[in-house]
Amino acid sequence: MHSWAKEYNKKRWDKSYMEPEFREGDQVLVSSLNFNNIKAPKRIRDSFLGPFTIIELIGKNAVEVKLPEEFSRKHPVFPVSLFKLYFQTEEDKFPSRKKNPTPPNMMEVEDSSGPVKQIIKARKIKLNGKNAVEVKLTKEFSRKHPVFPVSLVKPYFQTEEDKFPSRKKNTTPPGIVEVEDSPGPVKKIIKARKIRLNGKDQRQYLVIFKNQTADKDKWLAEDAIPDGNFHLRRFRASRRTEQSHQ
């Protein structure tokens, strides 16, 4: 290379180059661009990681830092262009003063039976250009990425039945009698009908009970009839016999 070209390149370098502002022992943040073992997608991960402590300045262009165990396989030397100084915030100095991290209109649901257990962070996250939140998932969903758009998250409000399970109301649909309410052993089934309950067709059977008057007869669903299989077989057989004689 000609001497004039070397001189030209040197001047360009000297003009643009700045001495690093870092010293051994400084706390710095490192750009996350070269960290490939971070679980979060690049579009929502933090731009910088740390803080890390500078162990040694390698010449004028590189810095060695002390990395935690989770990055133990990562080479600890980086170009100075990937660093910036770390300045401790009030929240870092006084963790007990941190405000409630729950975003507005969001409620922590520690006892939720669904996949979302509770919201754990309130930092601003963008997912495909939309606001998002990070949640703590239960073990069964541990492989699921914990960041969701806010449009898919809603607050959980505990009901009286959740608080007091023993107070749950009778869930038996109208017209259906539980087996426990049976007035006695079944004598026979005499009729069948089809009704619509809760938007679904429901077949019921008129059951006569032994040693009971007609006012004790009940319309029951198949699974609510004591010894239902036996009495239904007899009922269907009698209907077939009646139809064959018509």
C-alpha atoms as a PDB file:
ATOM      1  CA  MET A   1       0.000   0.000   0.000  1.00  0.00           C
ATOM      2  CA  HIS A   2       1.314   3.467  -0.863  1.00  0.00           C
ATOM      3  CA  SER A   3       2.417   5.664   2.011  1.00  0.00           C
ATOM      4  CA  TRP A   4      -0.166   8.315   1.123  1.00  0.00           C
ATOM      5  CA  ALA A   5      -2.926   5.710   1.372  1.00  0.00           C
ATOM      6  CA  LYS A   6      -1.699   4.599   4.801  1.00  0.00           C
ATOM      7  CA  GLU A   7      -1.605   8.183   5.973  1.00  0.00           C
ATOM      8  CA  TYR A   8      -5.138   8.772   4.674  1.00  0.00           C
ATOM      9  CA  ASN A   9      -6.488   5.722   6.479  1.00  0.00           C
ATOM     10  CA  LYS A  10      -4.696   6.725   9.696  1.00  0.00           C
ATOM     11  CA  LYS A  11      -6.261  10.180   9.619  1.00  0.00           C
ATOM     12  CA  ARG A  12      -9.717   8.696   9.080  1.00  0.00           C
ATOM     13  CA  TRP A  13      -9.209   6.308  11.986  1.00  0.00           C
ATOM     14  CA  ASP A  14      -7.848   9.004  14.316  1.00  0.00           C
ATOM     15  CA  LYS A  15     -10.756  11.281  13.431  1.00  0.00           C
ATOM     16  CA  SER A  16     -13.493   8.740  14.188  1.00  0.00           C
ATOM     17  CA  TYR A  17     -11.847   6.784  16.990  1.00  0.00           C
ATOM     18  CA  MET A  18     -12.559   7.665  20.625  1.00  0.00           C
ATOM     19  CA  GLU A  19     -10.753   6.272  23.638  1.00  0.00           C
ATOM     20  CA  PRO A  20     -12.996   3.951  25.637  1.00  0.00           C
ATOM     21  CA  GLU A  21     -14.563   5.521  28.728  1.00  0.00           C
ATOM     22  CA  PHE A  22     -14.477   2.277  30.681  1.00  0.00           C
ATOM     23  CA  ARG A  23     -12.268   1.241  33.580  1.00  0.00           C
ATOM     24  CA  GLU A  24     -11.702  -2.034  35.404  1.00  0.00           C
ATOM     25  CA  GLY A  25     -14.429  -2.532  37.996  1.00  0.00           C
ATOM     26  CA  ASP A  26     -17.024  -0.460  36.112  1.00  0.00           C
ATOM     27  CA  GLN A  27     -20.569  -1.783  35.791  1.00  0.00           C
ATOM     28  CA  VAL A  28     -21.620  -2.007  32.134  1.00  0.00           C
ATOM     29  CA  LEU A  29     -24.468  -3.239  29.964  1.00  0.00           C
ATOM     30  CA  VAL A  30     -23.746  -5.415  26.915  1.00  0.00           C
ATOM     31  CA  SER A  31     -25.738  -5.453  23.696  1.00  0.00           C
ATOM     32  CA  SER A  32     -27.873  -8.618  23.451  1.00  0.00           C
ATOM     33  CA  LEU A  33     -27.347  -8.950  19.674  1.00  0.00           C
ATOM     34  CA  ASN A  34     -24.670 -11.629  20.006  1.00  0.00           C
ATOM     35  CA  PHE A  35     -26.419 -13.653  22.724  1.00  0.00           C
ATOM     36  CA  ASN A  36     -28.126 -16.604  21.043  1.00  0.00           C
ATOM     37  CA  ASN A  37     -29.097 -18.577  24.164  1.00  0.00           C
ATOM     38  CA  ILE A  38     -31.761 -16.129  25.365  1.00  0.00           C
ATOM     39  CA  LYS A  39     -35.229 -17.719  25.348  1.00  0.00           C
ATOM     40  CA  ALA A  40     -37.201 -14.621  24.356  1.00  0.00           C
ATOM     41  CA  PRO A  41     -37.493 -13.791  20.611  1.00  0.00           C
ATOM     42  CA  LYS A  42     -35.241 -10.951  19.429  1.00  0.00           C
ATOM     43  CA  ARG A  43     -38.177  -8.641  18.774  1.00  0.00           C
ATOM     44  CA  ILE A  44     -39.190  -8.547  22.454  1.00  0.00           C
ATOM     45  CA  ARG A  45     -35.938  -9.193  24.319  1.00  0.00           C
ATOM     46  CA  ASP A  46     -34.090  -6.371  26.106  1.00  0.00           C
ATOM     47  CA  SER A  47     -31.609  -4.478  23.924  1.00  0.00           C
ATOM     48  CA  PHE A  48     -28.907  -4.687  26.603  1.00  0.00           C
ATOM     49  CA  LEU A  49     -28.063  -7.270  29.262  1.00  0.00           C
ATOM     50  CA  GLY A  50     -26.387  -6.807  32.610  1.00  0.00           C
ATOM     51  CA  PRO A  51     -25.048  -5.161  34.537  1.00  0.00           C
ATOM     52  CA  PHE A  52     -21.691  -6.945  34.298  1.00  0.00           C
ATOM     53  CA  THR A  53     -18.413  -5.999  35.972  1.00  0.00           C
ATOM     54  CA  ILE A  54     -15.357  -5.173  33.823  1.00  0.00           C
ATOM     55  CA  ILE A  55     -12.453  -7.483  34.679  1.00  0.00           C
ATOM     56  CA  GLU A  56      -9.880  -6.238  32.185  1.00  0.00           C
ATOM     57  CA  LEU A  57      -9.456  -3.854  29.262  1.00  0.00           C
ATOM     58  CA  ILE A  58      -8.032  -5.773  26.290  1.00  0.00           C
ATOM     59  CA  GLY A  59      -6.097  -3.147  24.387  1.00  0.00           C
ATOM     60  CA  LYS A  60      -8.154  -0.166  23.300  1.00  0.00           C
ATOM     61  CA  ASN A  61     -10.903  -1.956  21.438  1.00  0.00           C
ATOM     62  CA  ALA A  62     -12.130  -4.794  23.658  1.00  0.00           C
ATOM     63  CA  VAL A  63     -13.280  -5.430  27.202  1.00  0.00           C
ATOM     64  CA  GLU A  64     -13.489  -8.590  29.303  1.00  0.00           C
ATOM     65  CA  VAL A  65     -16.418  -8.830  31.709  1.00  0.00           C
ATOM     66  CA  LYS A  66     -17.497 -11.273  34.401  1.00  0.00           C
ATOM     67  CA  LEU A  67     -20.502 -13.242  33.110  1.00  0.00           C
ATOM     68  CA  PRO A  68     -22.965 -15.171  35.326  1.00  0.00           C
ATOM     69  CA  GLU A  69     -23.365 -18.962  35.116  1.00  0.00           C
ATOM     70  CA  GLU A  70     -26.235 -18.779  32.618  1.00  0.00           C
ATOM     71  CA  PHE A  71     -23.757 -17.302  30.107  1.00  0.00           C
ATOM     72  CA  SER A  72     -20.779 -19.428  31.186  1.00  0.00           C
ATOM     73  CA  ARG A  73     -20.350 -20.819  27.640  1.00  0.00           C
ATOM     74  CA  LYS A  74     -20.193 -17.331  26.169  1.00  0.00           C
ATOM     75  CA  HIS A  75     -16.737 -15.829  25.502  1.00  0.00           C
ATOM     76  CA  PRO A  76     -16.447 -12.921  27.975  1.00  0.00           C
ATOM     77  CA  VAL A  77     -14.541 -10.525  25.683  1.00  0.00           C
ATOM     78  CA  PHE A  78     -16.548  -8.034  23.598  1.00  0.00           C
ATOM     79  CA  PRO A  79     -15.795  -5.007  21.389  1.00  0.00           C
ATOM     80  CA  VAL A  80     -16.202  -1.691  23.206  1.00  0.00           C
ATOM     81  CA  SER A  81     -18.848  -0.721  20.651  1.00  0.00           C
ATOM     82  CA  LEU A  82     -21.257  -3.227  22.270  1.00  0.00           C
ATOM     83  CA  PHE A  83     -20.984  -1.683  25.751  1.00  0.00           C
ATOM     84  CA  LYS A  84     -22.558   1.193  27.579  1.00  0.00           C
ATOM     85  CA  LEU A  85     -22.103   2.327  31.158  1.00  0.00           C
ATOM     86  CA  TYR A  86     -24.658   1.159  33.711  1.00  0.00           C
ATOM     87  CA  PHE A  87     -26.197   3.753  36.021  1.00  0.00           C
ATOM     88  CA  GLN A  88     -27.992   2.440  39.086  1.00  0.00           C
ATOM     89  CA  THR A  89     -31.611   3.606  39.423  1.00  0.00           C
ATOM     90  CA  GLU A  90     -33.527   4.406  42.609  1.00  0.00           C
ATOM     91  CA  GLU A  91     -35.418   1.114  42.318  1.00  0.00           C
ATOM     92  CA  ASP A  92     -32.127  -0.795  42.063  1.00  0.00           C
ATOM     93  CA  LYS A  93     -30.782   0.990  45.150  1.00  0.00           C
ATOM     94  CA  PHE A  94     -33.980   0.527  47.164  1.00  0.00           C
ATOM     95  CA  PRO A  95     -35.817  -2.628  45.968  1.00  0.00           C
ATOM     96  CA  SER A  96     -38.391  -2.364  48.777  1.00  0.00           C
ATOM     97  CA  ARG A  97     -39.652   0.906  47.305  1.00  0.00           C
ATOM     98  CA  LYS A  98     -40.632  -0.653  44.004  1.00  0.00           C
ATOM     99  CA  LYS A  99     -44.166   0.085  42.993  1.00  0.00           C
ATOM    100  CA  ASN A 100     -46.745  -2.602  42.334  1.00  0.00           C
ATOM    101  CA  PRO A 101     -45.682  -4.073  38.953  1.00  0.00           C
ATOM    102  CA  THR A 102     -49.212  -5.150  38.046  1.00  0.00           C
ATOM    103  CA  PRO A 103     -50.340  -3.182  34.948  1.00  0.00           C
ATOM    104  CA  PRO A 104     -53.590  -1.158  35.156  1.00  0.00           C
ATOM    105  CA  ASN A 105     -56.742  -3.277  34.855  1.00  0.00           C
ATOM    106  CA  MET A 106     -54.707  -6.450  35.378  1.00  0.00           C
ATOM    107  CA  MET A 107     -55.125  -8.625  38.452  1.00  0.00           C
ATOM    108  CA  GLU A 108     -52.691 -11.184  39.864  1.00  0.00           C
ATOM    109  CA  VAL A 109     -54.436 -14.548  39.914  1.00  0.00           C
ATOM    110  CA  GLU A 110     -52.202 -16.732  42.020  1.00  0.00           C
ATOM    111  CA  ASP A 111     -54.890 -19.376  42.587  1.00  0.00           C
ATOM    112  CA  SER A 112     -56.138 -19.527  39.003  1.00  0.00           C
ATOM    113  CA  SER A 113     -56.889 -23.017  37.716  1.00  0.00           C
ATOM    114  CA  GLY A 114     -56.161 -21.942  34.129  1.00  0.00           C
ATOM    115  CA  PRO A 115     -52.815 -21.856  32.322  1.00  0.00           C
ATOM    116  CA  VAL A 116     -51.966 -18.311  33.490  1.00  0.00           C
ATOM    117  CA  LYS A 117     -50.933 -18.179  37.122  1.00  0.00           C
ATOM    118  CA  GLN A 118     -50.105 -14.491  37.628  1.00  0.00           C
ATOM    119  CA  ILE A 119     -48.691 -11.435  35.874  1.00  0.00           C
ATOM    120  CA  ILE A 120     -45.072 -11.035  36.956  1.00  0.00           C
ATOM    121  CA  LYS A 121     -43.766  -8.060  34.971  1.00  0.00           C
ATOM    122  CA  ALA A 122     -45.098  -4.676  33.958  1.00  0.00           C
ATOM    123  CA  ARG A 123     -42.385  -3.501  31.585  1.00  0.00           C
ATOM    124  CA  LYS A 124     -43.541  -2.350  28.192  1.00  0.00           C
ATOM    125  CA  ILE A 125     -43.359  -5.252  25.750  1.00  0.00           C
ATOM    126  CA  LYS A 126     -44.204  -5.232  22.074  1.00  0.00           C
ATOM    127  CA  LEU A 127     -45.296  -8.416  20.324  1.00  0.00           C
ATOM    128  CA  ASN A 128     -45.772  -8.021  16.571  1.00  0.00           C
ATOM    129  CA  GLY A 129     -46.180  -4.288  17.137  1.00  0.00           C
ATOM    130  CA  LYS A 130     -48.848  -4.719  19.841  1.00  0.00           C
ATOM    131  CA  ASN A 131     -48.718  -4.202  23.608  1.00  0.00           C
ATOM    132  CA  ALA A 132     -48.019  -7.424  25.489  1.00  0.00           C
ATOM    133  CA  VAL A 133     -47.542  -8.767  29.015  1.00  0.00           C
ATOM    134  CA  GLU A 134     -45.361 -11.511  30.447  1.00  0.00           C
ATOM    135  CA  VAL A 135     -47.097 -14.015  32.718  1.00  0.00           C
ATOM    136  CA  LYS A 136     -46.055 -16.873  34.979  1.00  0.00           C
ATOM    137  CA  LEU A 137     -47.307 -20.151  33.538  1.00  0.00           C
ATOM    138  CA  THR A 138     -48.020 -23.379  35.382  1.00  0.00           C
ATOM    139  CA  LYS A 139     -45.715 -26.386  34.901  1.00  0.00           C
ATOM    140  CA  GLU A 140     -47.939 -28.035  32.304  1.00  0.00           C
ATOM    141  CA  PHE A 141     -47.374 -25.029  30.017  1.00  0.00           C
ATOM    142  CA  SER A 142     -43.658 -24.603  30.795  1.00  0.00           C
ATOM    143  CA  ARG A 143     -42.722 -24.950  27.104  1.00  0.00           C
ATOM    144  CA  LYS A 144     -45.093 -22.165  26.093  1.00  0.00           C
ATOM    145  CA  HIS A 145     -43.585 -18.691  25.591  1.00  0.00           C
ATOM    146  CA  PRO A 146     -44.938 -16.561  28.486  1.00  0.00           C
ATOM    147  CA  VAL A 147     -45.556 -13.314  26.558  1.00  0.00           C
ATOM    148  CA  PHE A 148     -49.085 -12.642  25.267  1.00  0.00           C
ATOM    149  CA  PRO A 149     -50.855  -9.655  23.652  1.00  0.00           C
ATOM    150  CA  VAL A 150     -52.936  -7.751  26.215  1.00  0.00           C
ATOM    151  CA  SER A 151     -56.011  -8.479  24.094  1.00  0.00           C
ATOM    152  CA  LEU A 152     -55.714 -12.165  25.088  1.00  0.00           C
ATOM    153  CA  VAL A 153     -55.455 -11.488  28.830  1.00  0.00           C
ATOM    154  CA  LYS A 154     -58.342 -10.621  31.148  1.00  0.00           C
ATOM    155  CA  PRO A 155     -58.502 -10.181  34.947  1.00  0.00           C
ATOM    156  CA  TYR A 156     -59.663 -13.085  37.062  1.00  0.00           C
ATOM    157  CA  PHE A 157     -62.274 -12.448  39.745  1.00  0.00           C
ATOM    158  CA  GLN A 158     -62.753 -15.135  42.389  1.00  0.00           C
ATOM    159  CA  THR A 159     -66.388 -16.163  42.834  1.00  0.00           C
ATOM    160  CA  GLU A 160     -68.154 -17.120  46.047  1.00  0.00           C
ATOM    161  CA  GLU A 161     -68.152 -20.766  44.917  1.00  0.00           C
ATOM    162  CA  ASP A 162     -64.361 -20.638  44.438  1.00  0.00           C
ATOM    163  CA  LYS A 163     -63.914 -19.205  47.932  1.00  0.00           C
ATOM    164  CA  PHE A 164     -66.421 -21.574  49.578  1.00  0.00           C
ATOM    165  CA  PRO A 165     -66.677 -24.834  47.557  1.00  0.00           C
ATOM    166  CA  SER A 166     -69.001 -26.402  50.134  1.00  0.00           C
ATOM    167  CA  ARG A 167     -71.616 -23.745  49.386  1.00  0.00           C
ATOM    168  CA  LYS A 168     -72.021 -24.695  45.730  1.00  0.00           C
ATOM    169  CA  LYS A 169     -75.616 -24.714  44.650  1.00  0.00           C
ATOM    170  CA  ASN A 170     -77.391 -27.762  43.270  1.00  0.00           C
ATOM    171  CA  THR A 171     -76.324 -28.023  39.639  1.00  0.00           C
ATOM    172  CA  THR A 172     -78.967 -30.556  38.639  1.00  0.00           C
ATOM    173  CA  PRO A 173     -80.865 -29.151  35.586  1.00  0.00           C
ATOM    174  CA  PRO A 174     -84.605 -28.483  35.969  1.00  0.00           C
ATOM    175  CA  GLY A 175     -86.686 -31.600  35.359  1.00  0.00           C
ATOM    176  CA  ILE A 176     -83.881 -33.981  36.329  1.00  0.00           C
ATOM    177  CA  VAL A 177     -83.990 -35.736  39.698  1.00  0.00           C
ATOM    178  CA  GLU A 178     -80.792 -37.013  41.300  1.00  0.00           C
ATOM    179  CA  VAL A 179     -80.626 -40.665  42.283  1.00  0.00           C
ATOM    180  CA  GLU A 180     -80.297 -39.655  45.937  1.00  0.00           C
ATOM    181  CA  ASP A 181     -83.797 -38.101  45.758  1.00  0.00           C
ATOM    182  CA  SER A 182     -85.357 -41.352  44.576  1.00  0.00           C
ATOM    183  CA  PRO A 183     -88.367 -42.300  46.769  1.00  0.00           C
ATOM    184  CA  GLY A 184     -87.444 -45.993  46.655  1.00  0.00           C
ATOM    185  CA  PRO A 185     -86.573 -48.924  44.371  1.00  0.00           C
ATOM    186  CA  VAL A 186     -87.820 -48.704  40.787  1.00  0.00           C
ATOM    187  CA  LYS A 187     -90.824 -50.802  39.801  1.00  0.00           C
ATOM    188  CA  LYS A 188     -90.788 -50.094  36.085  1.00  0.00           C
ATOM    189  CA  ILE A 189     -90.529 -47.479  33.346  1.00  0.00           C
ATOM    190  CA  ILE A 190     -93.807 -46.716  31.566  1.00  0.00           C
ATOM    191  CA  LYS A 191     -93.145 -43.781  29.224  1.00  0.00           C
ATOM    192  CA  ALA A 192     -90.412 -41.900  27.388  1.00  0.00           C
ATOM    193  CA  ARG A 193     -90.219 -38.321  26.157  1.00  0.00           C
ATOM    194  CA  LYS A 194     -87.715 -35.946  24.584  1.00  0.00           C
ATOM    195  CA  ILE A 195     -87.309 -32.397  25.918  1.00  0.00           C
ATOM    196  CA  ARG A 196     -84.835 -29.602  25.299  1.00  0.00           C
ATOM    197  CA  LEU A 197     -82.655 -28.448  28.192  1.00  0.00           C
ATOM    198  CA  ASN A 198     -79.893 -25.861  27.989  1.00  0.00           C
ATOM    199  CA  GLY A 199     -80.071 -25.930  24.195  1.00  0.00           C
ATOM    200  CA  LYS A 200     -79.665 -29.718  23.954  1.00  0.00           C
ATOM    201  CA  ASP A 201     -82.140 -32.556  23.406  1.00  0.00           C
ATOM    202  CA  GLN A 202     -82.659 -34.627  26.551  1.00  0.00           C
ATOM    203  CA  ARG A 203     -84.489 -37.978  26.722  1.00  0.00           C
ATOM    204  CA  GLN A 204     -86.354 -38.683  29.954  1.00  0.00           C
ATOM    205  CA  TYR A 205     -88.298 -41.680  31.260  1.00  0.00           C
ATOM    206  CA  LEU A 206     -91.342 -41.776  33.526  1.00  0.00           C
ATOM    207  CA  VAL A 207     -90.424 -44.048  36.421  1.00  0.00           C
ATOM    208  CA  ILE A 208     -92.844 -45.789  38.805  1.00  0.00           C
ATOM    209  CA  PHE A 209     -91.445 -46.697  42.220  1.00  0.00           C
ATOM    210  CA  LYS A 210     -92.415 -49.715  44.313  1.00  0.00           C
ATOM    211  CA  ASN A 211     -94.902 -49.154  47.130  1.00  0.00           C
ATOM    212  CA  GLN A 212     -95.442 -45.527  46.077  1.00  0.00           C
ATOM    213  CA  THR A 213     -98.501 -43.637  44.841  1.00  0.00           C
ATOM    214  CA  ALA A 214     -98.753 -42.100  41.374  1.00  0.00           C
ATOM    215  CA  ASP A 215     -97.809 -38.626  42.647  1.00  0.00           C
ATOM    216  CA  LYS A 216     -94.340 -40.023  43.382  1.00  0.00           C
ATOM    217  CA  ASP A 217     -93.730 -40.976  39.732  1.00  0.00           C
ATOM    218  CA  LYS A 218     -90.783 -39.038  38.305  1.00  0.00           C
ATOM    219  CA  TRP A 219     -89.321 -38.135  34.940  1.00  0.00           C
ATOM    220  CA  LEU A 220     -85.660 -39.094  35.089  1.00  0.00           C
ATOM    221  CA  ALA A 221     -82.727 -39.014  32.727  1.00  0.00           C
ATOM    222  CA  GLU A 222     -81.225 -42.384  31.831  1.00  0.00           C
ATOM    223  CA  ASP A 223     -78.192 -41.939  34.075  1.00  0.00           C
ATOM    224  CA  ALA A 224     -80.406 -40.902  37.029  1.00  0.00           C
ATOM    225  CA  ILE A 225     -82.493 -44.107  37.102  1.00  0.00           C
ATOM    226  CA  PRO A 226     -81.438 -46.654  39.768  1.00  0.00           C
ATOM    227  CA  ASP A 227     -80.480 -49.900  37.980  1.00  0.00           C
ATOM    228  CA  GLY A 228     -81.226 -47.971  34.798  1.00  0.00           C
ATOM    229  CA  ASN A 229     -79.776 -50.485  32.325  1.00  0.00           C
ATOM    230  CA  PHE A 230     -81.979 -53.308  33.615  1.00  0.00           C
ATOM    231  CA  HIS A 231     -85.223 -51.305  33.653  1.00  0.00           C
ATOM    232  CA  LEU A 232     -84.530 -49.665  30.277  1.00  0.00           C
ATOM    233  CA  ARG A 233     -84.008 -53.082  28.649  1.00  0.00           C
ATOM    234  CA  ARG A 234     -87.380 -54.240  30.040  1.00  0.00           C
ATOM    235  CA  PHE A 235     -89.075 -51.009  28.919  1.00  0.00           C
ATOM    236  CA  ARG A 236     -87.702 -51.209  25.365  1.00  0.00           C
ATOM    237  CA  ALA A 237     -88.586 -54.907  25.120  1.00  0.00           C
ATOM    238  CA  SER A 238     -92.177 -54.181  26.196  1.00  0.00           C
ATOM    239  CA  ARG A 239     -92.472 -51.421  23.590  1.00  0.00           C
ATOM    240  CA  ARG A 240     -91.238 -53.738  20.855  1.00  0.00           C
ATOM    241  CA  THR A 241     -93.821 -56.326  21.949  1.00  0.00           C
ATOM    242  CA  GLU A 242     -96.607 -53.717  21.860  1.00  0.00           C
ATOM    243  CA  GLN A 243     -95.590 -52.533  18.401  1.00  0.00           C
ATOM    244  CA  SER A 244     -95.483 -56.097  17.049  1.00  0.00           C
ATOM    245  CA  HIS A 245     -99.104 -56.658  18.120  1.00  0.00           C
ATOM    246  CA  GLN A 246    -100.398 -53.511  16.463  1.00  0.00           C
END
